[in-house]
PDB file of N, CA and C in Angstrom:
ATOM      1  N   UNK A   1      78.107 147.417 111.386  1.00  0.00           N
ATOM      2  CA  UNK A   1      77.112 146.753 110.631  1.00  0.00           C
ATOM      3  C   UNK A   1      78.425 145.692 109.697  1.00  0.00           C
ATOM      4  N   UNK A   2      77.756 144.681 109.835  1.00  0.00           N
ATOM      5  CA  UNK A   2      78.869 143.533 108.876  1.00  0.00           C
ATOM      6  C   UNK A   2      78.215 143.809 107.393  1.00  0.00           C
ATOM      7  N   UNK A   3      79.678 143.705 106.718  1.00  0.00           N
ATOM      8  CA  UNK A   3      79.170 143.780 104.905  1.00  0.00           C
ATOM      9  C   UNK A   3      78.312 142.714 104.426  1.00  0.00           C
ATOM     10  N   UNK A   4      77.584 142.778 104.031  1.00  0.00           N
ATOM     11  CA  UNK A   4      76.559 142.078 103.161  1.00  0.00           C
ATOM     12  C   UNK A   4      77.400 140.954 102.853  1.00  0.00           C
ATOM     13  N   UNK A   5      76.379 139.519 102.476  1.00  0.00           N
ATOM     14  CA  UNK A   5      76.745 138.748 102.213  1.00  0.00           C
ATOM     15  C   UNK A   5      77.476 138.497 100.637  1.00  0.00           C
ATOM     16  N   UNK A   6      78.532 137.717 100.449  1.00  0.00           N
ATOM     17  CA  UNK A   6      78.499 137.328  99.245  1.00  0.00           C
ATOM     18  C   UNK A   6      78.152 136.071  98.197  1.00  0.00           C
ATOM     19  N   UNK A   7      77.456 136.380  97.135  1.00  0.00           N
ATOM     20  CA  UNK A   7      76.949 134.888  96.650  1.00  0.00           C
ATOM     21  C   UNK A   7      77.344 135.121  95.304  1.00  0.00           C
ATOM     22  N   UNK A   8      77.816 133.805  94.810  1.00  0.00           N
ATOM     23  CA  UNK A   8      78.171 133.363  93.506  1.00  0.00           C
ATOM     24  C   UNK A   8      77.031 133.087  92.405  1.00  0.00           C
ATOM     25  N   UNK A   9      76.314 133.310  91.338  1.00  0.00           N
ATOM     26  CA  UNK A   9      75.362 133.452  90.654  1.00  0.00           C
ATOM     27  C   UNK A   9      76.224 132.189  89.819  1.00  0.00           C
ATOM     28  N   UNK A  10      75.780 131.591  89.011  1.00  0.00           N
ATOM     29  CA  UNK A  10      76.451 130.555  88.211  1.00  0.00           C
ATOM     30  C   UNK A  10      75.330 130.011  87.008  1.00  0.00           C
ATOM     31  N   UNK A  11      75.053 130.287  85.648  1.00  0.00           N
ATOM     32  CA  UNK A  11      74.447 130.477  85.013  1.00  0.00           C
ATOM     33  C   UNK A  11      74.893 130.603  83.323  1.00  0.00           C
ATOM     34  N   UNK A  12      74.329 129.777  82.705  1.00  0.00           N
ATOM     35  CA  UNK A  12      75.139 129.596  81.240  1.00  0.00           C
ATOM     36  C   UNK A  12      74.180 130.663  80.658  1.00  0.00           C
ATOM     37  N   UNK A  13      73.051 130.792  81.022  1.00  0.00           N
ATOM     38  CA  UNK A  13      72.247 131.496  80.348  1.00  0.00           C
ATOM     39  C   UNK A  13      72.056 133.361  80.636  1.00  0.00           C
ATOM     40  N   UNK A  14      72.581 134.217  80.110  1.00  0.00           N
ATOM     41  CA  UNK A  14      72.749 135.228  80.410  1.00  0.00           C
ATOM     42  C   UNK A  14      71.895 136.105  81.679  1.00  0.00           C
ATOM     43  N   UNK A  15      70.644 136.063  80.497  1.00  0.00           N
ATOM     44  CA  UNK A  15      69.215 137.019  80.988  1.00  0.00           C
ATOM     45  C   UNK A  15      68.697 136.382  82.099  1.00  0.00           C
ATOM     46  N   UNK A  16      69.191 135.106  82.665  1.00  0.00           N
ATOM     47  CA  UNK A  16      68.730 134.553  83.713  1.00  0.00           C
ATOM     48  C   UNK A  16      69.342 134.821  84.505  1.00  0.00           C
ATOM     49  N   UNK A  17      70.653 134.717  84.804  1.00  0.00           N
ATOM     50  CA  UNK A  17      72.070 134.802  85.482  1.00  0.00           C
ATOM     51  C   UNK A  17      72.066 136.893  85.977  1.00  0.00           C
ATOM     52  N   UNK A  18      71.182 137.520  84.824  1.00  0.00           N
ATOM     53  CA  UNK A  18      71.140 138.645  85.287  1.00  0.00           C
ATOM     54  C   UNK A  18      70.023 139.302  86.098  1.00  0.00           C
ATOM     55  N   UNK A  19      69.046 138.379  85.871  1.00  0.00           N
ATOM     56  CA  UNK A  19      67.825 139.096  86.575  1.00  0.00           C
ATOM     57  C   UNK A  19      68.395 138.649  87.864  1.00  0.00           C
ATOM     58  N   UNK A  20      68.448 137.076  88.106  1.00  0.00           N
ATOM     59  CA  UNK A  20      68.906 136.836  89.076  1.00  0.00           C
ATOM     60  C   UNK A  20      69.679 137.127  90.384  1.00  0.00           C
ATOM     61  N   UNK A  21      71.015 138.204  90.287  1.00  0.00           N
ATOM     62  CA  UNK A  21      71.869 138.772  90.546  1.00  0.00           C
ATOM     63  C   UNK A  21      70.998 140.117  90.816  1.00  0.00           C
ATOM     64  N   UNK A  22      70.579 140.774  89.613  1.00  0.00           N
ATOM     65  CA  UNK A  22      69.459 142.245  90.326  1.00  0.00           C
ATOM     66  C   UNK A  22      68.625 141.595  90.874  1.00  0.00           C
ATOM     67  N   UNK A  23      68.098 140.346  91.750  1.00  0.00           N
ATOM     68  CA  UNK A  23      67.171 140.596  92.108  1.00  0.00           C
ATOM     69  C   UNK A  23      68.109 140.443  93.705  1.00  0.00           C
ATOM     70  N   UNK A  24      69.056 139.420  93.609  1.00  0.00           N
ATOM     71  CA  UNK A  24      69.462 139.300  94.786  1.00  0.00           C
ATOM     72  C   UNK A  24      70.622 140.419  95.608  1.00  0.00           C
ATOM     73  N   UNK A  25      70.945 141.633  94.389  1.00  0.00           N
ATOM     74  CA  UNK A  25      71.512 142.488  95.237  1.00  0.00           C
ATOM     75  C   UNK A  25      70.702 143.532  95.344  1.00  0.00           C
ATOM     76  N   UNK A  26      68.974 143.411  94.737  1.00  0.00           N
ATOM     77  CA  UNK A  26      67.831 144.374  95.857  1.00  0.00           C
ATOM     78  C   UNK A  26      67.858 144.108  96.930  1.00  0.00           C
ATOM     79  N   UNK A  27      67.980 142.687  97.090  1.00  0.00           N
ATOM     80  CA  UNK A  27      67.345 142.613  98.687  1.00  0.00           C
ATOM     81  C   UNK A  27      68.717 142.044  99.612  1.00  0.00           C
ATOM     82  N   UNK A  28      69.808 142.739  99.373  1.00  0.00           N
ATOM     83  CA  UNK A  28      71.293 143.202 100.236  1.00  0.00           C
ATOM     84  C   UNK A  28      72.652 142.435 100.201  1.00  0.00           C
ATOM     85  N   UNK A  29      72.042 141.030  99.402  1.00  0.00           N
ATOM     86  CA  UNK A  29      73.509 140.539  99.144  1.00  0.00           C
ATOM     87  C   UNK A  29      74.226 141.547  98.278  1.00  0.00           C
ATOM     88  N   UNK A  30      75.843 141.046  97.956  1.00  0.00           N
ATOM     89  CA  UNK A  30      76.467 141.235  97.040  1.00  0.00           C
ATOM     90  C   UNK A  30      76.399 140.062  95.995  1.00  0.00           C
ATOM     91  N   UNK A  31      76.891 140.170  94.945  1.00  0.00           N
ATOM     92  CA  UNK A  31      76.903 139.194  93.558  1.00  0.00           C
ATOM     93  C   UNK A  31      78.182 139.311  92.619  1.00  0.00           C
ATOM     94  N   UNK A  32      78.399 137.921  92.462  1.00  0.00           N
ATOM     95  CA  UNK A  32      79.059 137.997  91.359  1.00  0.00           C
ATOM     96  C   UNK A  32      78.706 136.777  90.454  1.00  0.00           C
ATOM     97  N   UNK A  33      78.675 137.047  89.205  1.00  0.00           N
ATOM     98  CA  UNK A  33      78.396 136.082  88.043  1.00  0.00           C
ATOM     99  C   UNK A  33      79.579 135.134  87.544  1.00  0.00           C
ATOM    100  N   UNK A  34      79.084 134.234  86.614  1.00  0.00           N
ATOM    101  CA  UNK A  34      80.063 133.435  86.835  1.00  0.00           C
ATOM    102  C   UNK A  34      79.151 132.637  85.497  1.00  0.00           C
ATOM    103  N   UNK A  35      79.628 132.100  84.264  1.00  0.00           N
ATOM    104  CA  UNK A  35      78.916 131.972  83.232  1.00  0.00           C
ATOM    105  C   UNK A  35      79.071 130.261  82.772  1.00  0.00           C
ATOM    106  N   UNK A  36      80.000 129.438  83.755  1.00  0.00           N
ATOM    107  CA  UNK A  36      79.954 128.213  83.628  1.00  0.00           C
ATOM    108  C   UNK A  36      80.205 127.707  84.804  1.00  0.00           C
ATOM    109  N   UNK A  37      80.831 126.602  85.036  1.00  0.00           N
ATOM    110  CA  UNK A  37      81.025 125.953  86.703  1.00  0.00           C
ATOM    111  C   UNK A  37      82.119 125.763  86.661  1.00  0.00           C
ATOM    112  N   UNK A  38      82.904 126.177  85.103  1.00  0.00           N
ATOM    113  CA  UNK A  38      84.894 126.176  85.463  1.00  0.00           C
ATOM    114  C   UNK A  38      85.198 127.040  86.053  1.00  0.00           C
ATOM    115  N   UNK A  39      84.746 128.720  85.191  1.00  0.00           N
ATOM    116  CA  UNK A  39      84.964 129.949  85.822  1.00  0.00           C
ATOM    117  C   UNK A  39      84.418 130.282  87.255  1.00  0.00           C
ATOM    118  N   UNK A  40      83.344 129.976  87.745  1.00  0.00           N
ATOM    119  CA  UNK A  40      83.167 129.426  89.074  1.00  0.00           C
ATOM    120  C   UNK A  40      84.014 128.638  89.564  1.00  0.00           C
ATOM    121  N   UNK A  41      84.744 127.864  89.552  1.00  0.00           N
ATOM    122  CA  UNK A  41      86.032 127.221  89.800  1.00  0.00           C
ATOM    123  C   UNK A  41      86.907 128.351  90.797  1.00  0.00           C
ATOM    124  N   UNK A  42      87.146 129.054  89.509  1.00  0.00           N
ATOM    125  CA  UNK A  42      88.260 129.810  89.578  1.00  0.00           C
ATOM    126  C   UNK A  42      88.102 130.946  90.566  1.00  0.00           C
ATOM    127  N   UNK A  43      86.557 131.542  90.407  1.00  0.00           N
ATOM    128  CA  UNK A  43      86.247 132.463  91.331  1.00  0.00           C
ATOM    129  C   UNK A  43      86.186 131.825  92.835  1.00  0.00           C
ATOM    130  N   UNK A  44      85.922 131.085  92.728  1.00  0.00           N
ATOM    131  CA  UNK A  44      85.905 130.466  94.569  1.00  0.00           C
ATOM    132  C   UNK A  44      87.556 130.284  94.821  1.00  0.00           C
ATOM    133  N   UNK A  45      88.131 130.155  94.173  1.00  0.00           N
ATOM    134  CA  UNK A  45      89.626 129.878  94.044  1.00  0.00           C
ATOM    135  C   UNK A  45      89.974 131.502  95.144  1.00  0.00           C
ATOM    136  N   UNK A  46      89.547 132.499  94.041  1.00  0.00           N
ATOM    137  CA  UNK A  46      90.293 133.775  94.113  1.00  0.00           C
ATOM    138  C   UNK A  46      89.350 134.547  95.438  1.00  0.00           C
ATOM    139  N   UNK A  47      87.874 134.103  96.018  1.00  0.00           N
ATOM    140  CA  UNK A  47      87.640 134.597  96.843  1.00  0.00           C
ATOM    141  C   UNK A  47      86.758 133.993  97.447  1.00  0.00           C
ATOM    142  N   UNK A  48      87.805 134.003  99.189  1.00  0.00           N
ATOM    143  CA  UNK A  48      87.047 133.357  99.533  1.00  0.00           C
ATOM    144  C   UNK A  48      86.209 133.676 101.145  1.00  0.00           C
ATOM    145  N   UNK A  49      85.506 134.564 100.428  1.00  0.00           N
ATOM    146  CA  UNK A  49      84.292 135.452 101.238  1.00  0.00           C
ATOM    147  C   UNK A  49      83.052 135.376 100.278  1.00  0.00           C
ATOM    148  N   UNK A  50      83.069 134.318  99.802  1.00  0.00           N
ATOM    149  CA  UNK A  50      81.980 133.698  99.112  1.00  0.00           C
ATOM    150  C   UNK A  50      81.498 133.077 100.062  1.00  0.00           C
ATOM    151  N   UNK A  51      80.062 132.972 100.416  1.00  0.00           N
ATOM    152  CA  UNK A  51      79.306 132.313 100.906  1.00  0.00           C
ATOM    153  C   UNK A  51      78.291 131.312 101.087  1.00  0.00           C
ATOM    154  N   UNK A  52      77.940 131.798  99.182  1.00  0.00           N
ATOM    155  CA  UNK A  52      76.598 130.617  98.816  1.00  0.00           C
ATOM    156  C   UNK A  52      76.486 130.726  97.464  1.00  0.00           C
ATOM    157  N   UNK A  53      76.424 129.556  96.458  1.00  0.00           N
ATOM    158  CA  UNK A  53      76.722 129.256  94.867  1.00  0.00           C
ATOM    159  C   UNK A  53      75.523 129.042  94.709  1.00  0.00           C
ATOM    160  N   UNK A  54      74.955 130.451  93.978  1.00  0.00           N
ATOM    161  CA  UNK A  54      73.127 129.271  93.307  1.00  0.00           C
ATOM    162  C   UNK A  54      73.477 129.035  92.006  1.00  0.00           C
ATOM    163  N   UNK A  55      73.780 127.768  91.187  1.00  0.00           N
ATOM    164  CA  UNK A  55      74.371 127.421  90.569  1.00  0.00           C
ATOM    165  C   UNK A  55      72.791 126.457  89.626  1.00  0.00           C
ATOM    166  N   UNK A  56      72.982 126.565  88.290  1.00  0.00           N
ATOM    167  CA  UNK A  56      71.784 126.070  87.528  1.00  0.00           C
ATOM    168  C   UNK A  56      72.952 124.366  87.517  1.00  0.00           C
ATOM    169  N   UNK A  57      72.033 123.317  87.104  1.00  0.00           N
ATOM    170  CA  UNK A  57      72.733 122.045  86.924  1.00  0.00           C
ATOM    171  C   UNK A  57      73.492 122.028  85.223  1.00  0.00           C
ATOM    172  N   UNK A  58      72.480 122.365  84.489  1.00  0.00           N
ATOM    173  CA  UNK A  58      73.207 121.797  83.119  1.00  0.00           C
ATOM    174  C   UNK A  58      73.575 122.409  82.404  1.00  0.00           C
ATOM    175  N   UNK A  59      74.954 122.956  82.074  1.00  0.00           N
ATOM    176  CA  UNK A  59      75.745 124.108  81.684  1.00  0.00           C
ATOM    177  C   UNK A  59      77.036 123.374  80.372  1.00  0.00           C
ATOM    178  N   UNK A  60      77.253 124.194  80.006  1.00  0.00           N
ATOM    179  CA  UNK A  60      78.213 123.668  79.167  1.00  0.00           C
ATOM    180  C   UNK A  60      79.659 123.772  79.174  1.00  0.00           C
ATOM    181  N   UNK A  61      80.837 122.793  79.284  1.00  0.00           N
ATOM    182  CA  UNK A  61      81.824 122.947  79.823  1.00  0.00           C
ATOM    183  C   UNK A  61      82.224 121.901  80.311  1.00  0.00           C
ATOM    184  N   UNK A  62      83.406 121.684  80.895  1.00  0.00           N
ATOM    185  CA  UNK A  62      83.961 120.477  81.647  1.00  0.00           C
ATOM    186  C   UNK A  62      82.804 119.540  82.972  1.00  0.00           C
ATOM    187  N   UNK A  63      82.778 121.078  83.227  1.00  0.00           N
ATOM    188  CA  UNK A  63      82.512 120.230  84.835  1.00  0.00           C
ATOM    189  C   UNK A  63      80.011 121.021  84.348  1.00  0.00           C
ATOM    190  N   UNK A  64      79.649 120.655  85.457  1.00  0.00           N
ATOM    191  CA  UNK A  64      78.096 120.393  85.361  1.00  0.00           C
ATOM    192  C   UNK A  64      77.847 121.392  86.829  1.00  0.00           C
ATOM    193  N   UNK A  65      76.773 121.380  87.230  1.00  0.00           N
ATOM    194  CA  UNK A  65      76.572 122.110  88.296  1.00  0.00           C
ATOM    195  C   UNK A  65      76.478 121.231  89.521  1.00  0.00           C
ATOM    196  N   UNK A  66      76.225 120.153  89.707  1.00  0.00           N
ATOM    197  CA  UNK A  66      76.425 118.692  90.474  1.00  0.00           C
ATOM    198  C   UNK A  66      77.979 118.256  90.334  1.00  0.00           C
ATOM    199  N   UNK A  67      78.885 118.700  89.589  1.00  0.00           N
ATOM    200  CA  UNK A  67      80.629 118.761  89.272  1.00  0.00           C
ATOM    201  C   UNK A  67      80.651 119.922  90.562  1.00  0.00           C
ATOM    202  N   UNK A  68      80.867 120.820  89.908  1.00  0.00           N
ATOM    203  CA  UNK A  68      80.712 122.769  90.633  1.00  0.00           C
ATOM    204  C   UNK A  68      80.334 121.821  91.936  1.00  0.00           C
ATOM    205  N   UNK A  69      79.225 121.774  92.649  1.00  0.00           N
ATOM    206  CA  UNK A  69      78.685 121.205  94.308  1.00  0.00           C
ATOM    207  C   UNK A  69      79.759 120.480  94.274  1.00  0.00           C
ATOM    208  N   UNK A  70      80.135 119.201  94.325  1.00  0.00           N
ATOM    209  CA  UNK A  70      81.112 118.260  94.673  1.00  0.00           C
ATOM    210  C   UNK A  70      82.375 118.801  94.184  1.00  0.00           C
ATOM    211  N   UNK A  71      82.287 119.792  93.922  1.00  0.00           N
ATOM    212  CA  UNK A  71      84.436 120.709  93.954  1.00  0.00           C
ATOM    213  C   UNK A  71      84.075 121.289  95.128  1.00  0.00           C
ATOM    214  N   UNK A  72      83.075 121.736  95.218  1.00  0.00           N
ATOM    215  CA  UNK A  72      83.030 122.992  96.674  1.00  0.00           C
ATOM    216  C   UNK A  72      83.211 122.374  98.098  1.00  0.00           C
ATOM    217  N   UNK A  73      81.789 121.262  98.134  1.00  0.00           N
ATOM    218  CA  UNK A  73      82.135 119.963  99.129  1.00  0.00           C
ATOM    219  C   UNK A  73      83.784 119.616  99.020  1.00  0.00           C
ATOM    220  N   UNK A  74      84.330 119.368  99.012  1.00  0.00           N
ATOM    221  CA  UNK A  74      85.594 119.157  98.881  1.00  0.00           C
ATOM    222  C   UNK A  74      86.385 119.988  99.283  1.00  0.00           C
ATOM    223  N   UNK A  75      86.595 121.393  98.404  1.00  0.00           N
ATOM    224  CA  UNK A  75      87.861 122.702  98.664  1.00  0.00           C
ATOM    225  C   UNK A  75      87.293 123.332  99.234  1.00  0.00           C
ATOM    226  N   UNK A  76      85.804 123.700  99.291  1.00  0.00           N
ATOM    227  CA  UNK A  76      85.184 124.849  99.912  1.00  0.00           C
ATOM    228  C   UNK A  76      83.959 124.779 101.018  1.00  0.00           C
ATOM    229  N   UNK A  77      84.500 123.813 101.915  1.00  0.00           N
ATOM    230  CA  UNK A  77      83.303 123.199 102.528  1.00  0.00           C
ATOM    231  C   UNK A  77      82.472 124.372 103.414  1.00  0.00           C
ATOM    232  N   UNK A  78      82.959 125.389 103.259  1.00  0.00           N
ATOM    233  CA  UNK A  78      82.119 126.334 104.496  1.00  0.00           C
ATOM    234  C   UNK A  78      81.124 127.430 103.206  1.00  0.00           C
ATOM    235  N   UNK A  79      81.241 126.798 101.952  1.00  0.00           N
ATOM    236  CA  UNK A  79      80.426 127.334 100.618  1.00  0.00           C
ATOM    237  C   UNK A  79      78.932 126.895 100.919  1.00  0.00           C
ATOM    238  N   UNK A  80      77.841 127.597 100.854  1.00  0.00           N
ATOM    239  CA  UNK A  80      76.312 126.552 100.789  1.00  0.00           C
ATOM    240  C   UNK A  80      76.285 126.266  99.749  1.00  0.00           C
ATOM    241  N   UNK A  81      75.433 125.350  98.861  1.00  0.00           N
ATOM    242  CA  UNK A  81      75.132 125.454  97.129  1.00  0.00           C
ATOM    243  C   UNK A  81      73.794 124.892  97.170  1.00  0.00           C
ATOM    244  N   UNK A  82      73.207 125.380  96.290  1.00  0.00           N
ATOM    245  CA  UNK A  82      71.855 125.807  96.009  1.00  0.00           C
ATOM    246  C   UNK A  82      72.081 125.424  94.192  1.00  0.00           C
ATOM    247  N   UNK A  83      71.429 124.424  93.863  1.00  0.00           N
ATOM    248  CA  UNK A  83      70.682 123.979  92.531  1.00  0.00           C
ATOM    249  C   UNK A  83      69.876 124.431  91.731  1.00  0.00           C
ATOM    250  N   UNK A  84      69.886 124.722  90.317  1.00  0.00           N
ATOM    251  CA  UNK A  84      68.535 124.859  89.904  1.00  0.00           C
ATOM    252  C   UNK A  84      68.565 124.088  88.315  1.00  0.00           C
ATOM    253  N   UNK A  85      67.225 123.657  88.238  1.00  0.00           N
ATOM    254  CA  UNK A  85      66.862 122.952  86.751  1.00  0.00           C
ATOM    255  C   UNK A  85      66.072 123.394  86.773  1.00  0.00           C
ATOM    256  N   UNK A  86      65.664 122.963  84.976  1.00  0.00           N
ATOM    257  CA  UNK A  86      64.429 123.227  84.603  1.00  0.00           C
ATOM    258  C   UNK A  86      63.932 121.486  83.797  1.00  0.00           C
ATOM    259  N   UNK A  87      65.334 120.582  84.244  1.00  0.00           N
ATOM    260  CA  UNK A  87      65.134 119.257  83.962  1.00  0.00           C
ATOM    261  C   UNK A  87      64.788 117.708  85.062  1.00  0.00           C
ATOM    262  N   UNK A  88      64.188 117.952  85.701  1.00  0.00           N
ATOM    263  CA  UNK A  88      64.600 117.529  86.629  1.00  0.00           C
ATOM    264  C   UNK A  88      63.851 116.313  86.229  1.00  0.00           C
ATOM    265  N   UNK A  89      63.233 115.652  85.306  1.00  0.00           N
ATOM    266  CA  UNK A  89      62.973 114.136  84.927  1.00  0.00           C
ATOM    267  C   UNK A  89      64.234 113.209  84.652  1.00  0.00           C
ATOM    268  N   UNK A  90      64.958 114.767  83.704  1.00  0.00           N
ATOM    269  CA  UNK A  90      65.855 113.604  83.339  1.00  0.00           C
ATOM    270  C   UNK A  90      67.761 113.891  84.444  1.00  0.00           C
ATOM    271  N   UNK A  91      67.431 114.146  85.418  1.00  0.00           N
ATOM    272  CA  UNK A  91      68.593 114.546  86.646  1.00  0.00           C
ATOM    273  C   UNK A  91      68.650 113.271  87.012  1.00  0.00           C
ATOM    274  N   UNK A  92      70.132 112.664  87.145  1.00  0.00           N
ATOM    275  CA  UNK A  92      70.264 110.998  87.647  1.00  0.00           C
ATOM    276  C   UNK A  92      71.004 111.907  88.885  1.00  0.00           C
ATOM    277  N   UNK A  93      70.786 112.075  90.428  1.00  0.00           N
ATOM    278  CA  UNK A  93      71.144 113.154  91.855  1.00  0.00           C
ATOM    279  C   UNK A  93      71.988 111.765  91.504  1.00  0.00           C
ATOM    280  N   UNK A  94      73.981 112.562  91.765  1.00  0.00           N
ATOM    281  CA  UNK A  94      74.789 112.107  92.844  1.00  0.00           C
ATOM    282  C   UNK A  94      74.015 111.588  94.132  1.00  0.00           C
ATOM    283  N   UNK A  95      74.316 110.793  94.855  1.00  0.00           N
ATOM    284  CA  UNK A  95      74.199 109.630  95.756  1.00  0.00           C
ATOM    285  C   UNK A  95      74.969 110.874  97.321  1.00  0.00           C
ATOM    286  N   UNK A  96      76.412 111.035  96.467  1.00  0.00           N
ATOM    287  CA  UNK A  96      77.355 111.315  97.317  1.00  0.00           C
ATOM    288  C   UNK A  96      76.722 112.419  98.931  1.00  0.00           C
ATOM    289  N   UNK A  97      75.896 113.707  98.271  1.00  0.00           N
ATOM    290  CA  UNK A  97      75.467 114.921  98.842  1.00  0.00           C
ATOM    291  C   UNK A  97      74.190 115.096  99.511  1.00  0.00           C
ATOM    292  N   UNK A  98      73.554 114.891 100.173  1.00  0.00           N
ATOM    293  CA  UNK A  98      72.070 115.373 100.485  1.00  0.00           C
ATOM    294  C   UNK A  98      71.274 116.327  99.524  1.00  0.00           C
ATOM    295  N   UNK A  99      71.022 115.883  98.629  1.00  0.00           N
ATOM    296  CA  UNK A  99      70.075 117.375  97.514  1.00  0.00           C
ATOM    297  C   UNK A  99      68.681 117.515  97.648  1.00  0.00           C
ATOM    298  N   UNK A 100      68.055 117.184  98.670  1.00  0.00           N
ATOM    299  CA  UNK A 100      66.740 117.560  98.849  1.00  0.00           C
ATOM    300  C   UNK A 100      66.126 118.918  98.988  1.00  0.00           C
ATOM    301  N   UNK A 101      67.473 119.628  99.892  1.00  0.00           N
ATOM    302  CA  UNK A 101      66.849 120.862 100.194  1.00  0.00           C
ATOM    303  C   UNK A 101      68.123 121.945  99.833  1.00  0.00           C
ATOM    304  N   UNK A 102      68.809 121.585  98.233  1.00  0.00           N
ATOM    305  CA  UNK A 102      69.596 122.167  97.311  1.00  0.00           C
ATOM    306  C   UNK A 102      68.928 121.916  95.991  1.00  0.00           C
ATOM    307  N   UNK A 103      68.060 121.974  95.907  1.00  0.00           N
ATOM    308  CA  UNK A 103      67.703 121.838  94.665  1.00  0.00           C
ATOM    309  C   UNK A 103      65.981 122.633  94.223  1.00  0.00           C
ATOM    310  N   UNK A 104      65.920 123.486  93.293  1.00  0.00           N
ATOM    311  CA  UNK A 104      65.087 123.781  93.137  1.00  0.00           C
ATOM    312  C   UNK A 104      65.141 123.767  91.341  1.00  0.00           C
ATOM    313  N   UNK A 105      63.218 123.654  91.553  1.00  0.00           N
ATOM    314  CA  UNK A 105      62.664 123.533  90.161  1.00  0.00           C
ATOM    315  C   UNK A 105      62.705 124.779  89.209  1.00  0.00           C
ATOM    316  N   UNK A 106      62.787 125.061  87.472  1.00  0.00           N
ATOM    317  CA  UNK A 106      62.702 126.041  87.020  1.00  0.00           C
ATOM    318  C   UNK A 106      61.506 125.829  86.367  1.00  0.00           C
ATOM    319  N   UNK A 107      60.156 126.753  86.098  1.00  0.00           N
ATOM    320  CA  UNK A 107      60.315 127.692  86.783  1.00  0.00           C
ATOM    321  C   UNK A 107      60.178 127.807  88.164  1.00  0.00           C
ATOM    322  N   UNK A 108      61.021 129.276  88.733  1.00  0.00           N
ATOM    323  CA  UNK A 108      61.123 129.231  90.010  1.00  0.00           C
ATOM    324  C   UNK A 108      60.634 130.489  90.240  1.00  0.00           C
ATOM    325  N   UNK A 109      60.039 131.006  91.179  1.00  0.00           N
ATOM    326  CA  UNK A 109      59.500 132.524  92.011  1.00  0.00           C
ATOM    327  C   UNK A 109      60.935 132.999  92.833  1.00  0.00           C
ATOM    328  N   UNK A 110      61.005 134.301  92.587  1.00  0.00           N
ATOM    329  CA  UNK A 110      62.094 134.876  93.009  1.00  0.00           C
ATOM    330  C   UNK A 110      61.997 134.523  94.414  1.00  0.00           C
ATOM    331  N   UNK A 111      60.800 134.821  95.125  1.00  0.00           N
ATOM    332  CA  UNK A 111      60.139 134.328  96.705  1.00  0.00           C
ATOM    333  C   UNK A 111      61.167 133.435  97.256  1.00  0.00           C
ATOM    334  N   UNK A 112      61.387 132.843  96.361  1.00  0.00           N
ATOM    335  CA  UNK A 112      61.637 130.570  96.935  1.00  0.00           C
ATOM    336  C   UNK A 112      63.144 131.064  96.862  1.00  0.00           C
ATOM    337  N   UNK A 113      63.664 131.488  95.740  1.00  0.00           N
ATOM    338  CA  UNK A 113      64.948 131.402  95.721  1.00  0.00           C
ATOM    339  C   UNK A 113      65.872 132.426  97.443  1.00  0.00           C
ATOM    340  N   UNK A 114      64.930 133.479  97.501  1.00  0.00           N
ATOM    341  CA  UNK A 114      65.325 134.321  98.949  1.00  0.00           C
ATOM    342  C   UNK A 114      65.119 133.643  99.604  1.00  0.00           C
ATOM    343  N   UNK A 115      63.850 132.512  99.915  1.00  0.00           N
ATOM    344  CA  UNK A 115      63.631 131.553 101.230  1.00  0.00           C
ATOM    345  C   UNK A 115      64.731 130.866 101.359  1.00  0.00           C
ATOM    346  N   UNK A 116      65.213 129.868 100.294  1.00  0.00           N
ATOM    347  CA  UNK A 116      65.745 129.119 100.076  1.00  0.00           C
ATOM    348  C   UNK A 116      67.774 129.609 100.558  1.00  0.00           C
ATOM    349  N   UNK A 117      68.089 130.419  99.926  1.00  0.00           N
ATOM    350  CA  UNK A 117      69.111 131.215 100.029  1.00  0.00           C
ATOM    351  C   UNK A 117      69.228 131.127 101.802  1.00  0.00           C
ATOM    352  N   UNK A 118      68.596 132.123 102.380  1.00  0.00           N
ATOM    353  CA  UNK A 118      68.037 132.437 103.916  1.00  0.00           C
ATOM    354  C   UNK A 118      67.939 131.066 105.041  1.00  0.00           C
ATOM    355  N   UNK A 119      67.235 130.147 104.280  1.00  0.00           N
ATOM    356  CA  UNK A 119      67.682 128.902 105.100  1.00  0.00           C
ATOM    357  C   UNK A 119      68.985 128.493 105.096  1.00  0.00           C
ATOM    358  N   UNK A 120      69.255 128.283 103.903  1.00  0.00           N
ATOM    359  CA  UNK A 120      70.334 127.828 103.815  1.00  0.00           C
ATOM    360  C   UNK A 120      71.979 128.287 104.281  1.00  0.00           C
ATOM    361  N   UNK A 121      71.548 129.837 104.385  1.00  0.00           N
ATOM    362  CA  UNK A 121      72.723 130.791 105.219  1.00  0.00           C
ATOM    363  C   UNK A 121      73.044 130.800 106.748  1.00  0.00           C
ATOM    364  N   UNK A 122      71.068 130.272 106.747  1.00  0.00           N
ATOM    365  CA  UNK A 122      71.262 130.101 108.601  1.00  0.00           C
ATOM    366  C   UNK A 122      71.536 128.502 109.218  1.00  0.00           C
ATOM    367  N   UNK A 123      71.848 127.821 108.436  1.00  0.00           N
ATOM    368  CA  UNK A 123      72.378 126.794 108.905  1.00  0.00           C
ATOM    369  C   UNK A 123      73.828 127.079 109.417  1.00  0.00           C
ATOM    370  N   UNK A 124      74.129 126.179 110.661  1.00  0.00           N
ATOM    371  CA  UNK A 124      75.397 125.661 111.295  1.00  0.00           C
ATOM    372  C   UNK A 124      76.146 124.693 110.261  1.00  0.00           C
ATOM    373  N   UNK A 125      77.196 125.592 110.225  1.00  0.00           N
ATOM    374  CA  UNK A 125      78.226 125.155 109.476  1.00  0.00           C
ATOM    375  C   UNK A 125      78.346 122.784 109.435  1.00  0.00           C
ATOM    376  N   UNK A 126      77.954 122.482 110.495  1.00  0.00           N
ATOM    377  CA  UNK A 126      78.635 121.354 111.002  1.00  0.00           C
ATOM    378  C   UNK A 126      76.866 120.851 109.962  1.00  0.00           C
ATOM    379  N   UNK A 127      76.027 121.215 109.361  1.00  0.00           N
ATOM    380  CA  UNK A 127      75.039 120.882 108.864  1.00  0.00           C
ATOM    381  C   UNK A 127      75.520 120.719 107.562  1.00  0.00           C
ATOM    382  N   UNK A 128      76.177 121.280 107.198  1.00  0.00           N
ATOM    383  CA  UNK A 128      76.465 121.706 105.320  1.00  0.00           C
ATOM    384  C   UNK A 128      77.088 120.518 104.397  1.00  0.00           C
TER     385      UNK A 128
END
C-alpha cells in the first residue's frame, strides 16, 4: 500500500485552514498547514514529499498566493498548485502560468475542492 499523498494547505484564516485540512484528512490525504506563503516556502524546502499546495491568494506577508505559485513553478515544479480567493474581480492574474484550472472562487463546496485536487494530481508531470 502506498503512503497517502501529502498536501499543504495555506491560508491566513485559521478556521478556514483547519476546516479544509480536517476535510482533506478525512478523505485520505496527509495534510500540513501554513498560515502564510512565506511559511509555506520554508515547508516546501524542508518537505520534498509535498505533492500539492492549496493556497489562498490574498494573505499578509512578503508573498501572496500567486507569488507562492510562481516560486513553486521555479523551485518545485513537481508540486501542483490550487488557488482560492473570494476576491476574483479584484485579482490581476499573472500571465506566466495557466490559471484557468488552478483557481476556485470562495465560498466553495468541499466536494469541488476534492474534485479539483484529484484532477490536478491525476495530470501527468509534463502538464504542470
